[in-house]
């Protein structure tokens, strides 16, 4: 993907220089995973949090303001300091990766700013927090074991850059557009938050816990579709290079629940899925890319 080298985004907070701070303990993260190790925890939880929503009840084609008092406006959440602990670029082995992610973040959010404006809405930007091993977040803490994820309580996406090494080494998903897909997916969760989708997901998941996993998958697939829609916009901008789309598809497939379970345990259990299969994730990224239209991303009415 073509990008402006050395790009710096005002919406990136770099805490890597601070070292591990205030993250959740491994005991809290591990939950029922047991002895399967960090790989399963990392990739089963990667690319954001899920929920559930009543199929057909969500007007995803309409951009709505945040629900008062909901995730985007939650009360009682301690503010997290935004002091930057950036590493000196001259001493940073990941300086170009940071610049690339900064460029992608700004491009993704510029796309959504334009989409909201076309509907007469203002888009409140998310913040990307880069950290090493662990850091504080509005959702109780962020660790590398969780993988890239979005916290609706502070509207921040959290990313330990070592995740991309895992994605390449263990799941064979290389390329800068694979990295771009990961970030665009997380911003897709931000769009779901500021439009009220995530609040509805959470409410209905609590009301119908038996449907929570299936409905969580629909939320994750919508974020994949949103990532594909943004990818189409980069084609219009002339930023795409040969092989980029395939890199995005490979990354989407790599984090499919079936692929992760097969590689981690040798078994596939669809009843436990929360993010969707590799085929489903590829399908919805493709729908977003081929249509270039957020209205095509209503997974809640169309199904997985």
C-alpha atoms as a PDB file:
ATOM      1  CA  UNK A   1       0.000   0.000   0.000  1.00  0.00           C
ATOM      2  CA  UNK A   2       1.271   3.431  -0.882  1.00  0.00           C
ATOM      3  CA  UNK A   3       1.603   5.769   2.073  1.00  0.00           C
ATOM      4  CA  UNK A   4       3.384   8.867   3.247  1.00  0.00           C
ATOM      5  CA  UNK A   5       6.586   7.803   4.977  1.00  0.00           C
ATOM      6  CA  UNK A   6       7.247   9.449   8.315  1.00  0.00           C
ATOM      7  CA  UNK A   7       3.542  10.240   8.710  1.00  0.00           C
ATOM      8  CA  UNK A   8       2.465  11.266  12.214  1.00  0.00           C
ATOM      9  CA  UNK A   9      -1.129  11.155  13.334  1.00  0.00           C
ATOM     10  CA  UNK A  10      -2.494  13.412  16.040  1.00  0.00           C
ATOM     11  CA  UNK A  11      -4.740  10.491  17.031  1.00  0.00           C
ATOM     12  CA  UNK A  12      -1.944   8.072  17.927  1.00  0.00           C
ATOM     13  CA  UNK A  13      -0.730   7.818  21.527  1.00  0.00           C
ATOM     14  CA  UNK A  14       2.543   5.910  21.795  1.00  0.00           C
ATOM     15  CA  UNK A  15       3.035   4.396  25.245  1.00  0.00           C
ATOM     16  CA  UNK A  16       5.668   1.858  24.246  1.00  0.00           C
ATOM     17  CA  UNK A  17       8.402   3.813  25.979  1.00  0.00           C
ATOM     18  CA  UNK A  18       6.644   3.461  29.311  1.00  0.00           C
ATOM     19  CA  UNK A  19       6.933  -0.315  29.418  1.00  0.00           C
ATOM     20  CA  UNK A  20       4.244  -2.554  30.950  1.00  0.00           C
ATOM     21  CA  UNK A  21       1.768  -0.533  33.042  1.00  0.00           C
ATOM     22  CA  UNK A  22      -1.573  -1.261  34.573  1.00  0.00           C
ATOM     23  CA  UNK A  23      -2.737  -4.121  32.403  1.00  0.00           C
ATOM     24  CA  UNK A  24      -5.043  -6.946  33.443  1.00  0.00           C
ATOM     25  CA  UNK A  25      -3.518 -10.022  34.979  1.00  0.00           C
ATOM     26  CA  UNK A  26      -3.160 -13.162  32.888  1.00  0.00           C
ATOM     27  CA  UNK A  27      -5.567 -14.897  35.262  1.00  0.00           C
ATOM     28  CA  UNK A  28      -8.344 -12.476  34.334  1.00  0.00           C
ATOM     29  CA  UNK A  29      -7.569 -12.699  30.645  1.00  0.00           C
ATOM     30  CA  UNK A  30      -7.238 -16.438  30.448  1.00  0.00           C
ATOM     31  CA  UNK A  31     -10.715 -17.185  31.772  1.00  0.00           C
ATOM     32  CA  UNK A  32     -11.720 -20.657  30.629  1.00  0.00           C
ATOM     33  CA  UNK A  33      -8.837 -21.097  28.212  1.00  0.00           C
ATOM     34  CA  UNK A  34      -6.865 -23.167  30.666  1.00  0.00           C
ATOM     35  CA  UNK A  35      -3.475 -24.476  29.608  1.00  0.00           C
ATOM     36  CA  UNK A  36      -3.730 -23.781  25.891  1.00  0.00           C
ATOM     37  CA  UNK A  37      -1.319 -20.865  26.221  1.00  0.00           C
ATOM     38  CA  UNK A  38      -0.952 -17.319  25.001  1.00  0.00           C
ATOM     39  CA  UNK A  39      -1.428 -18.081  21.298  1.00  0.00           C
ATOM     40  CA  UNK A  40      -5.058 -19.082  21.713  1.00  0.00           C
ATOM     41  CA  UNK A  41      -5.774 -16.181  24.038  1.00  0.00           C
ATOM     42  CA  UNK A  42      -4.078 -13.797  21.648  1.00  0.00           C
ATOM     43  CA  UNK A  43      -5.876 -14.848  18.502  1.00  0.00           C
ATOM     44  CA  UNK A  44      -9.256 -15.924  19.881  1.00  0.00           C
ATOM     45  CA  UNK A  45      -9.617 -12.466  21.432  1.00  0.00           C
ATOM     46  CA  UNK A  46      -8.029 -10.452  18.652  1.00  0.00           C
ATOM     47  CA  UNK A  47      -9.751  -7.869  16.478  1.00  0.00           C
ATOM     48  CA  UNK A  48     -12.159  -6.447  18.989  1.00  0.00           C
ATOM     49  CA  UNK A  49     -14.975  -7.406  21.310  1.00  0.00           C
ATOM     50  CA  UNK A  50     -18.266  -8.907  20.310  1.00  0.00           C
ATOM     51  CA  UNK A  51     -21.859  -8.829  21.429  1.00  0.00           C
ATOM     52  CA  UNK A  52     -25.262  -9.683  20.053  1.00  0.00           C
ATOM     53  CA  UNK A  53     -28.053  -7.912  18.257  1.00  0.00           C
ATOM     54  CA  UNK A  54     -31.577  -8.691  17.155  1.00  0.00           C
ATOM     55  CA  UNK A  55     -31.364  -9.547  13.464  1.00  0.00           C
ATOM     56  CA  UNK A  56     -33.348  -7.110  11.406  1.00  0.00           C
ATOM     57  CA  UNK A  57     -33.758  -4.556  14.196  1.00  0.00           C
ATOM     58  CA  UNK A  58     -30.731  -2.467  13.331  1.00  0.00           C
ATOM     59  CA  UNK A  59     -30.841   0.288  10.686  1.00  0.00           C
ATOM     60  CA  UNK A  60     -27.141  -0.006   9.927  1.00  0.00           C
ATOM     61  CA  UNK A  61     -27.520   2.098   6.820  1.00  0.00           C
ATOM     62  CA  UNK A  62     -28.355   5.108   8.983  1.00  0.00           C
ATOM     63  CA  UNK A  63     -25.730   6.977  10.954  1.00  0.00           C
ATOM     64  CA  UNK A  64     -27.132   7.764  14.372  1.00  0.00           C
ATOM     65  CA  UNK A  65     -25.712   9.760  17.296  1.00  0.00           C
ATOM     66  CA  UNK A  66     -24.317   7.916  20.324  1.00  0.00           C
ATOM     67  CA  UNK A  67     -26.842   6.604  22.809  1.00  0.00           C
ATOM     68  CA  UNK A  68     -26.779   8.901  25.897  1.00  0.00           C
ATOM     69  CA  UNK A  69     -25.311   7.118  28.880  1.00  0.00           C
ATOM     70  CA  UNK A  70     -24.306   4.148  26.759  1.00  0.00           C
ATOM     71  CA  UNK A  71     -20.872   2.827  25.880  1.00  0.00           C
ATOM     72  CA  UNK A  72     -19.771   6.010  24.213  1.00  0.00           C
ATOM     73  CA  UNK A  73     -20.887   8.085  27.163  1.00  0.00           C
ATOM     74  CA  UNK A  74     -20.380   5.662  30.030  1.00  0.00           C
ATOM     75  CA  UNK A  75     -20.250   7.095  33.498  1.00  0.00           C
ATOM     76  CA  UNK A  76     -17.838   6.133  36.247  1.00  0.00           C
ATOM     77  CA  UNK A  77     -14.920   5.339  33.960  1.00  0.00           C
ATOM     78  CA  UNK A  78     -11.679   6.749  35.265  1.00  0.00           C
ATOM     79  CA  UNK A  79      -9.954   8.947  32.673  1.00  0.00           C
ATOM     80  CA  UNK A  80      -6.771   7.482  31.264  1.00  0.00           C
ATOM     81  CA  UNK A  81      -3.883   9.910  30.879  1.00  0.00           C
ATOM     82  CA  UNK A  82      -2.892  10.517  27.288  1.00  0.00           C
ATOM     83  CA  UNK A  83       0.733  11.368  27.970  1.00  0.00           C
ATOM     84  CA  UNK A  84       2.840  10.042  25.153  1.00  0.00           C
ATOM     85  CA  UNK A  85       5.759   7.746  25.967  1.00  0.00           C
ATOM     86  CA  UNK A  86       6.969   7.509  22.406  1.00  0.00           C
ATOM     87  CA  UNK A  87      10.243   5.946  21.465  1.00  0.00           C
ATOM     88  CA  UNK A  88      12.705   8.168  19.627  1.00  0.00           C
ATOM     89  CA  UNK A  89      12.167   7.319  15.931  1.00  0.00           C
ATOM     90  CA  UNK A  90      15.922   7.204  15.446  1.00  0.00           C
ATOM     91  CA  UNK A  91      16.089   4.396  17.992  1.00  0.00           C
ATOM     92  CA  UNK A  92      12.822   2.695  17.078  1.00  0.00           C
ATOM     93  CA  UNK A  93      13.072  -0.495  14.989  1.00  0.00           C
ATOM     94  CA  UNK A  94       9.350  -0.179  14.259  1.00  0.00           C
ATOM     95  CA  UNK A  95       9.428   3.487  13.218  1.00  0.00           C
ATOM     96  CA  UNK A  96       8.179   2.817   9.690  1.00  0.00           C
ATOM     97  CA  UNK A  97       5.436   0.516  10.934  1.00  0.00           C
ATOM     98  CA  UNK A  98       4.288   3.245  13.326  1.00  0.00           C
ATOM     99  CA  UNK A  99       4.275   5.753  10.469  1.00  0.00           C
ATOM    100  CA  UNK A 100       2.313   3.333   8.296  1.00  0.00           C
ATOM    101  CA  UNK A 101      -0.306   2.702  10.980  1.00  0.00           C
ATOM    102  CA  UNK A 102      -0.549   6.445  11.593  1.00  0.00           C
ATOM    103  CA  UNK A 103      -1.238   6.981   7.907  1.00  0.00           C
ATOM    104  CA  UNK A 104      -3.814   4.189   7.789  1.00  0.00           C
ATOM    105  CA  UNK A 105      -5.548   5.490  10.905  1.00  0.00           C
ATOM    106  CA  UNK A 106      -5.889   8.975   9.458  1.00  0.00           C
ATOM    107  CA  UNK A 107      -7.051   7.647   6.102  1.00  0.00           C
ATOM    108  CA  UNK A 108      -9.666   5.347   7.651  1.00  0.00           C
ATOM    109  CA  UNK A 109     -10.988   8.105   9.875  1.00  0.00           C
ATOM    110  CA  UNK A 110     -11.039  10.622   7.043  1.00  0.00           C
ATOM    111  CA  UNK A 111     -13.201   8.157   5.134  1.00  0.00           C
ATOM    112  CA  UNK A 112     -15.667   7.853   8.017  1.00  0.00           C
ATOM    113  CA  UNK A 113     -15.632  11.610   8.593  1.00  0.00           C
ATOM    114  CA  UNK A 114     -16.777  12.057   5.001  1.00  0.00           C
ATOM    115  CA  UNK A 115     -19.443   9.350   5.331  1.00  0.00           C
ATOM    116  CA  UNK A 116     -20.866  10.907   8.484  1.00  0.00           C
ATOM    117  CA  UNK A 117     -20.787  14.389   6.958  1.00  0.00           C
ATOM    118  CA  UNK A 118     -22.766  13.140   3.963  1.00  0.00           C
ATOM    119  CA  UNK A 119     -25.492  12.171   6.433  1.00  0.00           C
ATOM    120  CA  UNK A 120     -25.299  15.480   8.284  1.00  0.00           C
ATOM    121  CA  UNK A 121     -23.433  13.960  11.236  1.00  0.00           C
ATOM    122  CA  UNK A 122     -20.147  14.697  12.955  1.00  0.00           C
ATOM    123  CA  UNK A 123     -17.680  11.855  13.347  1.00  0.00           C
ATOM    124  CA  UNK A 124     -15.821  11.731  16.681  1.00  0.00           C
ATOM    125  CA  UNK A 125     -12.425  10.214  16.005  1.00  0.00           C
ATOM    126  CA  UNK A 126     -11.023   7.219  17.828  1.00  0.00           C
ATOM    127  CA  UNK A 127      -7.537   7.166  19.324  1.00  0.00           C
ATOM    128  CA  UNK A 128      -4.982   4.451  18.614  1.00  0.00           C
ATOM    129  CA  UNK A 129      -2.822   3.511  21.599  1.00  0.00           C
ATOM    130  CA  UNK A 130       0.427   1.689  20.904  1.00  0.00           C
ATOM    131  CA  UNK A 131       1.817  -0.154  23.913  1.00  0.00           C
ATOM    132  CA  UNK A 132       4.258  -2.847  24.938  1.00  0.00           C
ATOM    133  CA  UNK A 133       3.012  -5.858  26.880  1.00  0.00           C
ATOM    134  CA  UNK A 134       0.343  -4.030  28.916  1.00  0.00           C
ATOM    135  CA  UNK A 135      -1.178  -0.642  29.593  1.00  0.00           C
ATOM    136  CA  UNK A 136      -4.206   0.991  31.173  1.00  0.00           C
ATOM    137  CA  UNK A 137      -7.478   1.280  29.322  1.00  0.00           C
ATOM    138  CA  UNK A 138     -11.014   2.399  30.042  1.00  0.00           C
ATOM    139  CA  UNK A 139     -12.069  -1.262  29.851  1.00  0.00           C
ATOM    140  CA  UNK A 140      -9.875  -2.303  32.758  1.00  0.00           C
ATOM    141  CA  UNK A 141      -6.535  -2.754  31.087  1.00  0.00           C
ATOM    142  CA  UNK A 142      -4.968  -3.894  27.844  1.00  0.00           C
ATOM    143  CA  UNK A 143      -2.383  -6.616  27.352  1.00  0.00           C
ATOM    144  CA  UNK A 144      -0.592  -8.147  24.424  1.00  0.00           C
ATOM    145  CA  UNK A 145      -2.435 -11.397  25.198  1.00  0.00           C
ATOM    146  CA  UNK A 146      -5.769  -9.809  24.280  1.00  0.00           C
ATOM    147  CA  UNK A 147      -4.465  -8.816  20.876  1.00  0.00           C
ATOM    148  CA  UNK A 148      -5.627  -5.727  18.968  1.00  0.00           C
ATOM    149  CA  UNK A 149      -8.918  -4.571  20.404  1.00  0.00           C
ATOM    150  CA  UNK A 150     -11.243  -1.611  20.783  1.00  0.00           C
ATOM    151  CA  UNK A 151     -12.551  -0.281  24.090  1.00  0.00           C
ATOM    152  CA  UNK A 152     -15.938   1.435  23.713  1.00  0.00           C
ATOM    153  CA  UNK A 153     -15.685   3.029  27.163  1.00  0.00           C
ATOM    154  CA  UNK A 154     -12.788   5.295  26.180  1.00  0.00           C
ATOM    155  CA  UNK A 155     -13.167   4.984  22.388  1.00  0.00           C
ATOM    156  CA  UNK A 156      -9.550   3.880  22.003  1.00  0.00           C
ATOM    157  CA  UNK A 157      -8.083   1.036  19.954  1.00  0.00           C
ATOM    158  CA  UNK A 158      -5.173  -0.770  21.606  1.00  0.00           C
ATOM    159  CA  UNK A 159      -2.333  -2.485  19.765  1.00  0.00           C
ATOM    160  CA  UNK A 160       0.928  -4.166  20.724  1.00  0.00           C
ATOM    161  CA  UNK A 161       2.951  -4.254  17.511  1.00  0.00           C
ATOM    162  CA  UNK A 162       4.236  -7.743  18.314  1.00  0.00           C
ATOM    163  CA  UNK A 163       0.813  -9.030  17.290  1.00  0.00           C
ATOM    164  CA  UNK A 164       1.826  -8.687  13.660  1.00  0.00           C
ATOM    165  CA  UNK A 165       4.789 -10.980  14.256  1.00  0.00           C
ATOM    166  CA  UNK A 166       2.361 -13.632  15.550  1.00  0.00           C
ATOM    167  CA  UNK A 167       0.053 -13.080  12.604  1.00  0.00           C
ATOM    168  CA  UNK A 168       2.946 -13.673  10.200  1.00  0.00           C
ATOM    169  CA  UNK A 169       4.852 -16.431  11.963  1.00  0.00           C
ATOM    170  CA  UNK A 170       1.961 -18.609  13.147  1.00  0.00           C
ATOM    171  CA  UNK A 171      -0.834 -17.843  10.704  1.00  0.00           C
ATOM    172  CA  UNK A 172       1.023 -16.920   7.537  1.00  0.00           C
ATOM    173  CA  UNK A 173      -0.696 -13.572   6.989  1.00  0.00           C
ATOM    174  CA  UNK A 174       2.078 -11.215   5.828  1.00  0.00           C
ATOM    175  CA  UNK A 175       1.943  -7.803   4.223  1.00  0.00           C
ATOM    176  CA  UNK A 176       1.241  -4.221   5.109  1.00  0.00           C
ATOM    177  CA  UNK A 177      -2.374  -4.451   3.987  1.00  0.00           C
ATOM    178  CA  UNK A 178      -2.926  -7.289   6.459  1.00  0.00           C
ATOM    179  CA  UNK A 179      -1.864  -4.790   9.114  1.00  0.00           C
ATOM    180  CA  UNK A 180      -4.126  -2.147   7.598  1.00  0.00           C
ATOM    181  CA  UNK A 181      -7.067  -4.565   7.707  1.00  0.00           C
ATOM    182  CA  UNK A 182      -6.538  -5.158  11.434  1.00  0.00           C
ATOM    183  CA  UNK A 183      -6.639  -1.441  12.177  1.00  0.00           C
ATOM    184  CA  UNK A 184      -9.563  -0.735   9.841  1.00  0.00           C
ATOM    185  CA  UNK A 185     -11.520  -3.511  11.576  1.00  0.00           C
ATOM    186  CA  UNK A 186     -10.940  -1.893  14.977  1.00  0.00           C
ATOM    187  CA  UNK A 187     -12.115   1.468  13.682  1.00  0.00           C
ATOM    188  CA  UNK A 188     -15.150  -0.390  12.369  1.00  0.00           C
ATOM    189  CA  UNK A 189     -15.921  -1.184  16.009  1.00  0.00           C
ATOM    190  CA  UNK A 190     -15.582   2.518  16.787  1.00  0.00           C
ATOM    191  CA  UNK A 191     -18.149   3.298  14.102  1.00  0.00           C
ATOM    192  CA  UNK A 192     -20.434   0.739  15.724  1.00  0.00           C
ATOM    193  CA  UNK A 193     -19.959   2.499  19.053  1.00  0.00           C
ATOM    194  CA  UNK A 194     -20.608   6.069  17.962  1.00  0.00           C
ATOM    195  CA  UNK A 195     -23.677   5.048  15.946  1.00  0.00           C
ATOM    196  CA  UNK A 196     -25.204   3.191  18.911  1.00  0.00           C
ATOM    197  CA  UNK A 197     -24.828  -0.261  17.365  1.00  0.00           C
ATOM    198  CA  UNK A 198     -22.540  -1.552  20.113  1.00  0.00           C
ATOM    199  CA  UNK A 199     -24.929  -0.451  22.866  1.00  0.00           C
ATOM    200  CA  UNK A 200     -27.759  -2.323  21.192  1.00  0.00           C
ATOM    201  CA  UNK A 201     -25.497  -5.332  20.758  1.00  0.00           C
ATOM    202  CA  UNK A 202     -24.684  -5.350  24.453  1.00  0.00           C
ATOM    203  CA  UNK A 203     -28.285  -4.845  25.558  1.00  0.00           C
ATOM    204  CA  UNK A 204     -29.717  -7.621  23.409  1.00  0.00           C
ATOM    205  CA  UNK A 205     -26.882  -9.980  24.251  1.00  0.00           C
ATOM    206  CA  UNK A 206     -27.721  -9.585  27.924  1.00  0.00           C
ATOM    207  CA  UNK A 207     -31.426 -10.104  27.244  1.00  0.00           C
ATOM    208  CA  UNK A 208     -30.836 -13.199  25.098  1.00  0.00           C
ATOM    209  CA  UNK A 209     -27.601 -14.819  26.331  1.00  0.00           C
ATOM    210  CA  UNK A 210     -28.281 -17.949  24.325  1.00  0.00           C
ATOM    211  CA  UNK A 211     -27.913 -15.926  21.116  1.00  0.00           C
ATOM    212  CA  UNK A 212     -24.866 -13.962  22.228  1.00  0.00           C
ATOM    213  CA  UNK A 213     -22.246 -15.941  20.285  1.00  0.00           C
ATOM    214  CA  UNK A 214     -24.189 -15.981  17.025  1.00  0.00           C
ATOM    215  CA  UNK A 215     -24.981 -12.297  17.274  1.00  0.00           C
ATOM    216  CA  UNK A 216     -21.410 -11.456  18.238  1.00  0.00           C
ATOM    217  CA  UNK A 217     -20.333 -13.029  14.958  1.00  0.00           C
ATOM    218  CA  UNK A 218     -22.634 -10.679  13.052  1.00  0.00           C
ATOM    219  CA  UNK A 219     -21.095  -7.678  14.778  1.00  0.00           C
ATOM    220  CA  UNK A 220     -17.565  -8.846  13.974  1.00  0.00           C
ATOM    221  CA  UNK A 221     -18.454  -9.571  10.358  1.00  0.00           C
ATOM    222  CA  UNK A 222     -19.909  -6.086  10.015  1.00  0.00           C
ATOM    223  CA  UNK A 223     -16.590  -4.647  11.210  1.00  0.00           C
ATOM    224  CA  UNK A 224     -14.868  -6.811   8.566  1.00  0.00           C
ATOM    225  CA  UNK A 225     -17.241  -5.415   5.950  1.00  0.00           C
ATOM    226  CA  UNK A 226     -16.517  -1.862   7.108  1.00  0.00           C
ATOM    227  CA  UNK A 227     -12.805  -2.627   6.673  1.00  0.00           C
ATOM    228  CA  UNK A 228     -13.524  -3.790   3.132  1.00  0.00           C
ATOM    229  CA  UNK A 229     -15.493  -0.634   2.355  1.00  0.00           C
ATOM    230  CA  UNK A 230     -12.525   1.461   3.453  1.00  0.00           C
ATOM    231  CA  UNK A 231     -10.227  -0.744   1.346  1.00  0.00           C
ATOM    232  CA  UNK A 232     -12.344   0.152  -1.688  1.00  0.00           C
ATOM    233  CA  UNK A 233     -11.803   3.837  -0.920  1.00  0.00           C
ATOM    234  CA  UNK A 234      -8.033   3.315  -1.059  1.00  0.00           C
ATOM    235  CA  UNK A 235      -8.494   1.912  -4.559  1.00  0.00           C
ATOM    236  CA  UNK A 236     -10.252   5.136  -5.529  1.00  0.00           C
ATOM    237  CA  UNK A 237      -7.375   7.097  -3.976  1.00  0.00           C
ATOM    238  CA  UNK A 238      -4.796   5.158  -5.967  1.00  0.00           C
ATOM    239  CA  UNK A 239      -3.178   3.800  -2.806  1.00  0.00           C
ATOM    240  CA  UNK A 240      -3.633   0.096  -3.507  1.00  0.00           C
ATOM    241  CA  UNK A 241      -0.747  -1.927  -4.876  1.00  0.00           C
ATOM    242  CA  UNK A 242      -0.699  -5.356  -6.457  1.00  0.00           C
ATOM    243  CA  UNK A 243      -1.456  -8.045  -3.883  1.00  0.00           C
ATOM    244  CA  UNK A 244      -2.877  -5.707  -1.243  1.00  0.00           C
ATOM    245  CA  UNK A 245      -6.435  -7.010  -1.353  1.00  0.00           C
ATOM    246  CA  UNK A 246      -5.226 -10.595  -1.119  1.00  0.00           C
ATOM    247  CA  UNK A 247      -3.186  -9.658   1.946  1.00  0.00           C
ATOM    248  CA  UNK A 248      -6.332  -8.287   3.553  1.00  0.00           C
ATOM    249  CA  UNK A 249      -8.260 -11.439   2.673  1.00  0.00           C
ATOM    250  CA  UNK A 250      -5.484 -13.624   4.052  1.00  0.00           C
ATOM    251  CA  UNK A 251      -5.548 -11.708   7.335  1.00  0.00           C
ATOM    252  CA  UNK A 252      -9.338 -11.990   7.586  1.00  0.00           C
ATOM    253  CA  UNK A 253      -9.100 -15.743   7.011  1.00  0.00           C
ATOM    254  CA  UNK A 254      -6.220 -16.104   9.470  1.00  0.00           C
ATOM    255  CA  UNK A 255      -8.343 -14.860  12.367  1.00  0.00           C
ATOM    256  CA  UNK A 256     -11.378 -16.986  11.552  1.00  0.00           C
ATOM    257  CA  UNK A 257     -12.512 -18.987  14.564  1.00  0.00           C
ATOM    258  CA  UNK A 258     -12.232 -22.286  12.709  1.00  0.00           C
ATOM    259  CA  UNK A 259      -8.678 -21.576  11.558  1.00  0.00           C
ATOM    260  CA  UNK A 260      -7.584 -20.581  15.051  1.00  0.00           C
ATOM    261  CA  UNK A 261      -9.199 -23.589  16.698  1.00  0.00           C
ATOM    262  CA  UNK A 262      -7.786 -26.022  14.160  1.00  0.00           C
ATOM    263  CA  UNK A 263      -4.255 -24.722  14.548  1.00  0.00           C
ATOM    264  CA  UNK A 264      -4.456 -24.397  18.314  1.00  0.00           C
ATOM    265  CA  UNK A 265      -6.340 -27.534  19.383  1.00  0.00           C
ATOM    266  CA  UNK A 266      -6.816 -29.642  16.260  1.00  0.00           C
ATOM    267  CA  UNK A 267     -10.587 -29.406  16.741  1.00  0.00           C
ATOM    268  CA  UNK A 268     -13.266 -27.067  15.390  1.00  0.00           C
ATOM    269  CA  UNK A 269     -16.243 -26.204  17.610  1.00  0.00           C
ATOM    270  CA  UNK A 270     -18.697 -23.876  15.808  1.00  0.00           C
ATOM    271  CA  UNK A 271     -20.826 -23.554  18.952  1.00  0.00           C
ATOM    272  CA  UNK A 272     -18.034 -21.598  20.632  1.00  0.00           C
ATOM    273  CA  UNK A 273     -17.361 -19.173  17.781  1.00  0.00           C
ATOM    274  CA  UNK A 274     -17.658 -15.437  18.438  1.00  0.00           C
ATOM    275  CA  UNK A 275     -15.968 -13.879  15.381  1.00  0.00           C
ATOM    276  CA  UNK A 276     -16.947 -16.090  12.461  1.00  0.00           C
ATOM    277  CA  UNK A 277     -15.247 -18.643  10.248  1.00  0.00           C
ATOM    278  CA  UNK A 278     -12.443 -17.854   7.846  1.00  0.00           C
ATOM    279  CA  UNK A 279     -14.880 -18.110   4.929  1.00  0.00           C
ATOM    280  CA  UNK A 280     -17.364 -15.770   6.593  1.00  0.00           C
ATOM    281  CA  UNK A 281     -14.720 -13.169   7.382  1.00  0.00           C
ATOM    282  CA  UNK A 282     -13.354 -13.284   3.841  1.00  0.00           C
ATOM    283  CA  UNK A 283     -16.895 -13.066   2.478  1.00  0.00           C
ATOM    284  CA  UNK A 284     -17.800  -9.896   4.363  1.00  0.00           C
ATOM    285  CA  UNK A 285     -14.492  -8.161   3.721  1.00  0.00           C
ATOM    286  CA  UNK A 286     -15.087  -8.926   0.028  1.00  0.00           C
ATOM    287  CA  UNK A 287     -18.652  -7.576   0.135  1.00  0.00           C
ATOM    288  CA  UNK A 288     -17.373  -4.329   1.589  1.00  0.00           C
ATOM    289  CA  UNK A 289     -14.596  -4.056  -0.972  1.00  0.00           C
ATOM    290  CA  UNK A 290     -16.700  -4.925  -4.005  1.00  0.00           C
ATOM    291  CA  UNK A 291     -19.562  -2.581  -3.127  1.00  0.00           C
ATOM    292  CA  UNK A 292     -17.660   0.254  -1.449  1.00  0.00           C
ATOM    293  CA  UNK A 293     -20.936   0.934   0.356  1.00  0.00           C
ATOM    294  CA  UNK A 294     -21.478   0.815   4.148  1.00  0.00           C
ATOM    295  CA  UNK A 295     -25.163   0.090   3.508  1.00  0.00           C
ATOM    296  CA  UNK A 296     -24.122  -3.303   2.141  1.00  0.00           C
ATOM    297  CA  UNK A 297     -22.705  -4.199   5.553  1.00  0.00           C
ATOM    298  CA  UNK A 298     -25.974  -4.935   7.335  1.00  0.00           C
ATOM    299  CA  UNK A 299     -24.974  -8.386   8.524  1.00  0.00           C
ATOM    300  CA  UNK A 300     -27.791  -8.254  11.075  1.00  0.00           C
ATOM    301  CA  UNK A 301     -30.447  -8.480   8.373  1.00  0.00           C
ATOM    302  CA  UNK A 302     -28.511 -10.563   5.851  1.00  0.00           C
ATOM    303  CA  UNK A 303     -26.958 -13.062   8.242  1.00  0.00           C
ATOM    304  CA  UNK A 304     -23.457 -14.511   8.357  1.00  0.00           C
END
